[in-house]
């Protein structure tokens, strides 16, 4: 079964961001931090995903939600204030 959409992106990121060498994954006792850091994987992820578009989408979603919340709360406040 082939992953789709978000699952594919998460799998791809997990493949690229892996900073531990294969030997360090099976050490006993296990290590929390890798002994050899490889920062090239982070550069690959930033090239793979369109972070600019993701940030713009996030900002637009936040603005729309805040405007809707302010409008709805203003109408509810007016209804409560004008009620007897």
PDB file of N, CA and C in Angstrom:
ATOM      1  N   UNK A   1       0.836  -1.176   0.000  1.00  0.00           N
ATOM      2  CA  UNK A   1       0.000   0.000   0.000  1.00  0.00           C
ATOM      3  C   UNK A   1       0.884   1.243   0.000  1.00  0.00           C
ATOM      4  N   UNK A   2       0.658   2.132  -0.922  1.00  0.00           N
ATOM      5  CA  UNK A   2       1.474   3.321  -1.083  1.00  0.00           C
ATOM      6  C   UNK A   2       0.876   4.473  -0.281  1.00  0.00           C
ATOM      7  N   UNK A   3       1.702   5.158   0.543  1.00  0.00           N
ATOM      8  CA  UNK A   3       1.170   6.267   1.335  1.00  0.00           C
ATOM      9  C   UNK A   3       0.738   7.427   0.438  1.00  0.00           C
ATOM     10  N   UNK A   4      -0.261   8.157   0.886  1.00  0.00           N
ATOM     11  CA  UNK A   4      -0.773   9.268   0.097  1.00  0.00           C
ATOM     12  C   UNK A   4      -0.736  10.552   0.911  1.00  0.00           C
ATOM     13  N   UNK A   5      -0.644  11.664   0.215  1.00  0.00           N
ATOM     14  CA  UNK A   5      -0.777  12.985   0.814  1.00  0.00           C
ATOM     15  C   UNK A   5       0.167  13.239   1.964  1.00  0.00           C
ATOM     16  N   UNK A   6      -0.432  13.545   3.119  1.00  0.00           N
ATOM     17  CA  UNK A   6       0.316  13.926   4.306  1.00  0.00           C
ATOM     18  C   UNK A   6       1.238  12.804   4.762  1.00  0.00           C
ATOM     19  N   UNK A   7       0.788  11.560   4.626  1.00  0.00           N
ATOM     20  CA  UNK A   7       1.625  10.428   5.046  1.00  0.00           C
ATOM     21  C   UNK A   7       2.905  10.373   4.236  1.00  0.00           C
ATOM     22  N   UNK A   8       2.807  10.637   2.918  1.00  0.00           N
ATOM     23  CA  UNK A   8       3.985  10.606   2.064  1.00  0.00           C
ATOM     24  C   UNK A   8       4.970  11.695   2.476  1.00  0.00           C
ATOM     25  N   UNK A   9       4.457  12.887   2.790  1.00  0.00           N
ATOM     26  CA  UNK A   9       5.333  13.986   3.197  1.00  0.00           C
ATOM     27  C   UNK A   9       6.010  13.650   4.515  1.00  0.00           C
ATOM     28  N   UNK A  10       5.257  13.092   5.468  1.00  0.00           N
ATOM     29  CA  UNK A  10       5.836  12.742   6.765  1.00  0.00           C
ATOM     30  C   UNK A  10       6.888  11.651   6.598  1.00  0.00           C
ATOM     31  N   UNK A  11       6.617  10.651   5.769  1.00  0.00           N
ATOM     32  CA  UNK A  11       7.611   9.608   5.527  1.00  0.00           C
ATOM     33  C   UNK A  11       8.862  10.181   4.876  1.00  0.00           C
ATOM     34  N   UNK A  12       8.676  11.066   3.914  1.00  0.00           N
ATOM     35  CA  UNK A  12       9.818  11.661   3.215  1.00  0.00           C
ATOM     36  C   UNK A  12      10.648  12.513   4.163  1.00  0.00           C
ATOM     37  N   UNK A  13       9.986  13.284   5.017  1.00  0.00           N
ATOM     38  CA  UNK A  13      10.716  14.106   5.983  1.00  0.00           C
ATOM     39  C   UNK A  13      11.465  13.223   6.962  1.00  0.00           C
ATOM     40  N   UNK A  14      10.822  12.157   7.448  1.00  0.00           N
ATOM     41  CA  UNK A  14      11.498  11.281   8.402  1.00  0.00           C
ATOM     42  C   UNK A  14      12.700  10.589   7.767  1.00  0.00           C
ATOM     43  N   UNK A  15      12.632  10.310   6.469  1.00  0.00           N
ATOM     44  CA  UNK A  15      13.778   9.709   5.780  1.00  0.00           C
ATOM     45  C   UNK A  15      14.917  10.710   5.647  1.00  0.00           C
ATOM     46  N   UNK A  16      14.588  11.963   5.356  1.00  0.00           N
ATOM     47  CA  UNK A  16      15.625  12.955   5.115  1.00  0.00           C
ATOM     48  C   UNK A  16      16.212  13.541   6.392  1.00  0.00           C
ATOM     49  N   UNK A  17      15.420  13.632   7.453  1.00  0.00           N
ATOM     50  CA  UNK A  17      15.871  14.297   8.665  1.00  0.00           C
ATOM     51  C   UNK A  17      16.643  13.362   9.582  1.00  0.00           C
ATOM     52  N   UNK A  18      16.651  12.093   9.288  1.00  0.00           N
ATOM     53  CA  UNK A  18      17.347  11.130  10.130  1.00  0.00           C
ATOM     54  C   UNK A  18      18.811  11.515  10.233  1.00  0.00           C
ATOM     55  N   UNK A  19      19.266  11.848  11.443  1.00  0.00           N
ATOM     56  CA  UNK A  19      20.646  12.293  11.621  1.00  0.00           C
ATOM     57  C   UNK A  19      21.536  11.221  12.217  1.00  0.00           C
ATOM     58  N   UNK A  20      20.975  10.081  12.596  1.00  0.00           N
ATOM     59  CA  UNK A  20      21.797   9.033  13.178  1.00  0.00           C
ATOM     60  C   UNK A  20      22.256   8.052  12.109  1.00  0.00           C
ATOM     61  N   UNK A  21      23.493   7.582  12.268  1.00  0.00           N
ATOM     62  CA  UNK A  21      24.029   6.565  11.388  1.00  0.00           C
ATOM     63  C   UNK A  21      23.388   5.231  11.776  1.00  0.00           C
ATOM     64  N   UNK A  22      23.288   4.301  10.832  1.00  0.00           N
ATOM     65  CA  UNK A  22      22.614   3.028  11.101  1.00  0.00           C
ATOM     66  C   UNK A  22      23.187   2.297  12.306  1.00  0.00           C
ATOM     67  N   UNK A  23      24.488   2.357  12.510  1.00  0.00           N
ATOM     68  CA  UNK A  23      25.102   1.667  13.640  1.00  0.00           C
ATOM     69  C   UNK A  23      24.628   2.236  14.971  1.00  0.00           C
ATOM     70  N   UNK A  24      24.413   3.530  15.016  1.00  0.00           N
ATOM     71  CA  UNK A  24      24.004   4.144  16.280  1.00  0.00           C
ATOM     72  C   UNK A  24      22.547   3.850  16.610  1.00  0.00           C
ATOM     73  N   UNK A  25      21.781   3.346  15.658  1.00  0.00           N
ATOM     74  CA  UNK A  25      20.384   3.013  15.918  1.00  0.00           C
ATOM     75  C   UNK A  25      20.230   1.710  16.685  1.00  0.00           C
ATOM     76  N   UNK A  26      21.228   0.846  16.602  1.00  0.00           N
ATOM     77  CA  UNK A  26      21.103  -0.464  17.250  1.00  0.00           C
ATOM     78  C   UNK A  26      22.094  -0.651  18.392  1.00  0.00           C
ATOM     79  N   UNK A  27      22.664   0.417  18.910  1.00  0.00           N
ATOM     80  CA  UNK A  27      23.605   0.315  20.019  1.00  0.00           C
ATOM     81  C   UNK A  27      22.887  -0.061  21.306  1.00  0.00           C
ATOM     82  N   UNK A  28      23.572  -0.834  22.134  1.00  0.00           N
ATOM     83  CA  UNK A  28      23.059  -1.167  23.456  1.00  0.00           C
ATOM     84  C   UNK A  28      24.112  -0.728  24.453  1.00  0.00           C
ATOM     85  N   UNK A  29      23.832   0.146  25.353  1.00  0.00           N
ATOM     86  CA  UNK A  29      22.599   0.878  25.598  1.00  0.00           C
ATOM     87  C   UNK A  29      22.345   1.919  24.492  1.00  0.00           C
ATOM     88  N   UNK A  30      21.072   2.207  24.232  1.00  0.00           N
ATOM     89  CA  UNK A  30      20.751   3.137  23.151  1.00  0.00           C
ATOM     90  C   UNK A  30      21.194   4.561  23.475  1.00  0.00           C
ATOM     91  N   UNK A  31      21.524   5.295  22.442  1.00  0.00           N
ATOM     92  CA  UNK A  31      21.931   6.686  22.624  1.00  0.00           C
ATOM     93  C   UNK A  31      20.770   7.600  22.259  1.00  0.00           C
ATOM     94  N   UNK A  32      20.651   8.689  22.981  1.00  0.00           N
ATOM     95  CA  UNK A  32      19.577   9.644  22.705  1.00  0.00           C
ATOM     96  C   UNK A  32      20.012  10.595  21.598  1.00  0.00           C
ATOM     97  N   UNK A  33      21.215  11.116  21.714  1.00  0.00           N
ATOM     98  CA  UNK A  33      21.738  12.034  20.700  1.00  0.00           C
ATOM     99  C   UNK A  33      22.756  11.292  19.839  1.00  0.00           C
ATOM    100  N   UNK A  34      22.766  11.566  18.545  1.00  0.00           N
ATOM    101  CA  UNK A  34      23.722  10.886  17.674  1.00  0.00           C
ATOM    102  C   UNK A  34      25.148  11.360  17.931  1.00  0.00           C
ATOM    103  N   UNK A  35      26.100  10.493  17.680  1.00  0.00           N
ATOM    104  CA  UNK A  35      27.497  10.874  17.858  1.00  0.00           C
ATOM    105  C   UNK A  35      28.001  11.685  16.668  1.00  0.00           C
ATOM    106  N   UNK A  36      27.496  11.391  15.472  1.00  0.00           N
ATOM    107  CA  UNK A  36      27.871  12.137  14.267  1.00  0.00           C
ATOM    108  C   UNK A  36      26.648  12.891  13.745  1.00  0.00           C
ATOM    109  N   UNK A  37      26.767  14.218  13.694  1.00  0.00           N
ATOM    110  CA  UNK A  37      25.661  15.039  13.219  1.00  0.00           C
ATOM    111  C   UNK A  37      25.797  15.253  11.720  1.00  0.00           C
ATOM    112  N   UNK A  38      24.684  15.138  11.016  1.00  0.00           N
ATOM    113  CA  UNK A  38      24.655  15.344   9.574  1.00  0.00           C
ATOM    114  C   UNK A  38      23.570  16.370   9.263  1.00  0.00           C
ATOM    115  N   UNK A  39      23.975  17.602   9.013  1.00  0.00           N
ATOM    116  CA  UNK A  39      23.013  18.678   8.796  1.00  0.00           C
ATOM    117  C   UNK A  39      22.562  18.784   7.337  1.00  0.00           C
ATOM    118  N   UNK A  40      23.118  17.981   6.458  1.00  0.00           N
ATOM    119  CA  UNK A  40      22.711  18.016   5.056  1.00  0.00           C
ATOM    120  C   UNK A  40      21.253  17.591   4.875  1.00  0.00           C
ATOM    121  N   UNK A  41      20.775  16.753   5.759  1.00  0.00           N
ATOM    122  CA  UNK A  41      19.391  16.285   5.665  1.00  0.00           C
ATOM    123  C   UNK A  41      18.405  17.434   5.843  1.00  0.00           C
ATOM    124  N   UNK A  42      18.719  18.376   6.728  1.00  0.00           N
ATOM    125  CA  UNK A  42      17.834  19.511   6.941  1.00  0.00           C
ATOM    126  C   UNK A  42      17.778  20.396   5.702  1.00  0.00           C
ATOM    127  N   UNK A  43      18.885  20.549   5.003  1.00  0.00           N
ATOM    128  CA  UNK A  43      18.893  21.324   3.760  1.00  0.00           C
ATOM    129  C   UNK A  43      18.047  20.639   2.693  1.00  0.00           C
ATOM    130  N   UNK A  44      18.095  19.322   2.650  1.00  0.00           N
ATOM    131  CA  UNK A  44      17.277  18.584   1.677  1.00  0.00           C
ATOM    132  C   UNK A  44      15.790  18.777   1.947  1.00  0.00           C
ATOM    133  N   UNK A  45      15.403  18.787   3.223  1.00  0.00           N
ATOM    134  CA  UNK A  45      13.996  18.969   3.575  1.00  0.00           C
ATOM    135  C   UNK A  45      13.518  20.363   3.190  1.00  0.00           C
ATOM    136  N   UNK A  46      14.339  21.381   3.439  1.00  0.00           N
ATOM    137  CA  UNK A  46      13.924  22.739   3.081  1.00  0.00           C
ATOM    138  C   UNK A  46      13.834  22.905   1.575  1.00  0.00           C
ATOM    139  N   UNK A  47      14.625  22.164   0.827  1.00  0.00           N
ATOM    140  CA  UNK A  47      14.502  22.207  -0.632  1.00  0.00           C
ATOM    141  C   UNK A  47      13.300  21.413  -1.121  1.00  0.00           C
ATOM    142  N   UNK A  48      12.932  20.359  -0.393  1.00  0.00           N
ATOM    143  CA  UNK A  48      11.840  19.481  -0.797  1.00  0.00           C
ATOM    144  C   UNK A  48      10.472  20.133  -0.607  1.00  0.00           C
ATOM    145  N   UNK A  49      10.259  20.784   0.538  1.00  0.00           N
ATOM    146  CA  UNK A  49       8.955  21.365   0.848  1.00  0.00           C
ATOM    147  C   UNK A  49       8.917  22.854   0.544  1.00  0.00           C
ATOM    148  N   UNK A  50       7.800  23.351   0.026  1.00  0.00           N
ATOM    149  CA  UNK A  50       7.660  24.786  -0.250  1.00  0.00           C
ATOM    150  C   UNK A  50       7.265  25.547   1.020  1.00  0.00           C
ATOM    151  N   UNK A  51       8.246  25.873   1.863  1.00  0.00           N
ATOM    152  CA  UNK A  51       7.944  26.493   3.143  1.00  0.00           C
ATOM    153  C   UNK A  51       7.310  27.867   2.990  1.00  0.00           C
ATOM    154  N   UNK A  52       7.658  28.625   1.954  1.00  0.00           N
ATOM    155  CA  UNK A  52       7.049  29.931   1.739  1.00  0.00           C
ATOM    156  C   UNK A  52       5.540  29.818   1.550  1.00  0.00           C
ATOM    157  N   UNK A  53       5.130  28.873   0.723  1.00  0.00           N
ATOM    158  CA  UNK A  53       3.701  28.664   0.476  1.00  0.00           C
ATOM    159  C   UNK A  53       3.012  28.176   1.751  1.00  0.00           C
ATOM    160  N   UNK A  54       3.655  27.311   2.499  1.00  0.00           N
ATOM    161  CA  UNK A  54       3.072  26.812   3.744  1.00  0.00           C
ATOM    162  C   UNK A  54       2.888  27.937   4.759  1.00  0.00           C
ATOM    163  N   UNK A  55       3.864  28.835   4.870  1.00  0.00           N
ATOM    164  CA  UNK A  55       3.744  29.960   5.795  1.00  0.00           C
ATOM    165  C   UNK A  55       2.618  30.904   5.372  1.00  0.00           C
ATOM    166  N   UNK A  56       2.511  31.182   4.085  1.00  0.00           N
ATOM    167  CA  UNK A  56       1.446  32.063   3.597  1.00  0.00           C
ATOM    168  C   UNK A  56       0.080  31.446   3.870  1.00  0.00           C
ATOM    169  N   UNK A  57      -0.082  30.159   3.608  1.00  0.00           N
ATOM    170  CA  UNK A  57      -1.346  29.482   3.895  1.00  0.00           C
ATOM    171  C   UNK A  57      -1.679  29.535   5.385  1.00  0.00           C
ATOM    172  N   UNK A  58      -0.692  29.335   6.226  1.00  0.00           N
ATOM    173  CA  UNK A  58      -0.910  29.379   7.666  1.00  0.00           C
ATOM    174  C   UNK A  58      -1.348  30.763   8.109  1.00  0.00           C
ATOM    175  N   UNK A  59      -0.678  31.797   7.612  1.00  0.00           N
ATOM    176  CA  UNK A  59      -1.028  33.171   7.981  1.00  0.00           C
ATOM    177  C   UNK A  59      -2.438  33.512   7.513  1.00  0.00           C
ATOM    178  N   UNK A  60      -2.794  33.111   6.300  1.00  0.00           N
ATOM    179  CA  UNK A  60      -4.146  33.380   5.803  1.00  0.00           C
ATOM    180  C   UNK A  60      -5.203  32.672   6.648  1.00  0.00           C
ATOM    181  N   UNK A  61      -4.940  31.437   7.017  1.00  0.00           N
ATOM    182  CA  UNK A  61      -5.891  30.703   7.858  1.00  0.00           C
ATOM    183  C   UNK A  61      -6.058  31.377   9.212  1.00  0.00           C
ATOM    184  N   UNK A  62      -4.973  31.838   9.801  1.00  0.00           N
ATOM    185  CA  UNK A  62      -5.045  32.504  11.100  1.00  0.00           C
ATOM    186  C   UNK A  62      -5.829  33.798  10.995  1.00  0.00           C
ATOM    187  N   UNK A  63      -5.568  34.589   9.960  1.00  0.00           N
ATOM    188  CA  UNK A  63      -6.267  35.869   9.789  1.00  0.00           C
ATOM    189  C   UNK A  63      -7.764  35.639   9.625  1.00  0.00           C
ATOM    190  N   UNK A  64      -8.156  34.689   8.794  1.00  0.00           N
ATOM    191  CA  UNK A  64      -9.582  34.405   8.583  1.00  0.00           C
ATOM    192  C   UNK A  64     -10.236  33.942   9.879  1.00  0.00           C
ATOM    193  N   UNK A  65      -9.572  33.081  10.622  1.00  0.00           N
ATOM    194  CA  UNK A  65     -10.146  32.582  11.874  1.00  0.00           C
ATOM    195  C   UNK A  65     -10.282  33.688  12.911  1.00  0.00           C
ATOM    196  N   UNK A  66      -9.300  34.565  12.999  1.00  0.00           N
ATOM    197  CA  UNK A  66      -9.367  35.659  13.972  1.00  0.00           C
ATOM    198  C   UNK A  66     -10.478  36.636  13.598  1.00  0.00           C
ATOM    199  N   UNK A  67     -10.597  36.972  12.318  1.00  0.00           N
ATOM    200  CA  UNK A  67     -11.661  37.883  11.882  1.00  0.00           C
ATOM    201  C   UNK A  67     -13.033  37.280  12.171  1.00  0.00           C
ATOM    202  N   UNK A  68     -13.201  36.005  11.878  1.00  0.00           N
ATOM    203  CA  UNK A  68     -14.483  35.342  12.153  1.00  0.00           C
ATOM    204  C   UNK A  68     -14.771  35.299  13.651  1.00  0.00           C
ATOM    205  N   UNK A  69     -13.770  35.018  14.455  1.00  0.00           N
ATOM    206  CA  UNK A  69     -13.969  34.963  15.904  1.00  0.00           C
ATOM    207  C   UNK A  69     -14.339  36.336  16.457  1.00  0.00           C
ATOM    208  N   UNK A  70     -13.666  37.387  15.994  1.00  0.00           N
ATOM    209  CA  UNK A  70     -13.979  38.743  16.460  1.00  0.00           C
ATOM    210  C   UNK A  70     -15.389  39.136  16.032  1.00  0.00           C
ATOM    211  N   UNK A  71     -15.761  38.838  14.795  1.00  0.00           N
ATOM    212  CA  UNK A  71     -17.101  39.181  14.319  1.00  0.00           C
ATOM    213  C   UNK A  71     -18.168  38.423  15.108  1.00  0.00           C
ATOM    214  N   UNK A  72     -17.978  37.137  15.292  1.00  0.00           N
ATOM    215  CA  UNK A  72     -18.961  36.330  16.017  1.00  0.00           C
ATOM    216  C   UNK A  72     -19.068  36.780  17.468  1.00  0.00           C
ATOM    217  N   UNK A  73     -17.948  37.023  18.127  1.00  0.00           N
ATOM    218  CA  UNK A  73     -17.969  37.439  19.526  1.00  0.00           C
ATOM    219  C   UNK A  73     -18.574  38.835  19.673  1.00  0.00           C
ATOM    220  N   UNK A  74     -18.341  39.708  18.704  1.00  0.00           N
ATOM    221  CA  UNK A  74     -18.953  41.042  18.735  1.00  0.00           C
ATOM    222  C   UNK A  74     -20.456  40.942  18.616  1.00  0.00           C
ATOM    223  N   UNK A  75     -20.929  40.088  17.703  1.00  0.00           N
ATOM    224  CA  UNK A  75     -22.377  39.920  17.566  1.00  0.00           C
ATOM    225  C   UNK A  75     -22.979  39.299  18.819  1.00  0.00           C
ATOM    226  N   UNK A  76     -22.288  38.322  19.417  1.00  0.00           N
ATOM    227  CA  UNK A  76     -22.794  37.707  20.639  1.00  0.00           C
ATOM    228  C   UNK A  76     -22.803  38.705  21.779  1.00  0.00           C
ATOM    229  N   UNK A  77     -21.759  39.527  21.882  1.00  0.00           N
ATOM    230  CA  UNK A  77     -21.718  40.556  22.923  1.00  0.00           C
ATOM    231  C   UNK A  77     -22.831  41.569  22.765  1.00  0.00           C
ATOM    232  N   UNK A  78     -23.105  41.969  21.537  1.00  0.00           N
ATOM    233  CA  UNK A  78     -24.211  42.910  21.286  1.00  0.00           C
ATOM    234  C   UNK A  78     -25.541  42.270  21.656  1.00  0.00           C
ATOM    235  N   UNK A  79     -25.723  41.001  21.314  1.00  0.00           N
ATOM    236  CA  UNK A  79     -26.978  40.313  21.644  1.00  0.00           C
ATOM    237  C   UNK A  79     -27.146  40.210  23.159  1.00  0.00           C
ATOM    238  N   UNK A  80     -26.104  39.884  23.877  1.00  0.00           N
ATOM    239  CA  UNK A  80     -26.200  39.799  25.341  1.00  0.00           C
ATOM    240  C   UNK A  80     -26.422  41.168  25.979  1.00  0.00           C
ATOM    241  N   UNK A  81     -25.771  42.191  25.425  1.00  0.00           N
ATOM    242  CA  UNK A  81     -25.899  43.531  26.010  1.00  0.00           C
ATOM    243  C   UNK A  81     -27.275  44.133  25.761  1.00  0.00           C
ATOM    244  N   UNK A  82     -27.861  43.841  24.613  1.00  0.00           N
ATOM    245  CA  UNK A  82     -29.151  44.440  24.299  1.00  0.00           C
ATOM    246  C   UNK A  82     -30.310  43.607  24.824  1.00  0.00           C
ATOM    247  N   UNK A  83     -30.049  42.422  25.305  1.00  0.00           N
ATOM    248  CA  UNK A  83     -31.110  41.577  25.860  1.00  0.00           C
ATOM    249  C   UNK A  83     -31.569  42.081  27.213  1.00  0.00           C
ATOM    250  N   UNK A  84     -32.808  41.718  27.585  1.00  0.00           N
ATOM    251  CA  UNK A  84     -33.332  42.208  28.861  1.00  0.00           C
ATOM    252  C   UNK A  84     -33.197  41.195  29.927  1.00  0.00           C
TER     253      UNK A  84
END
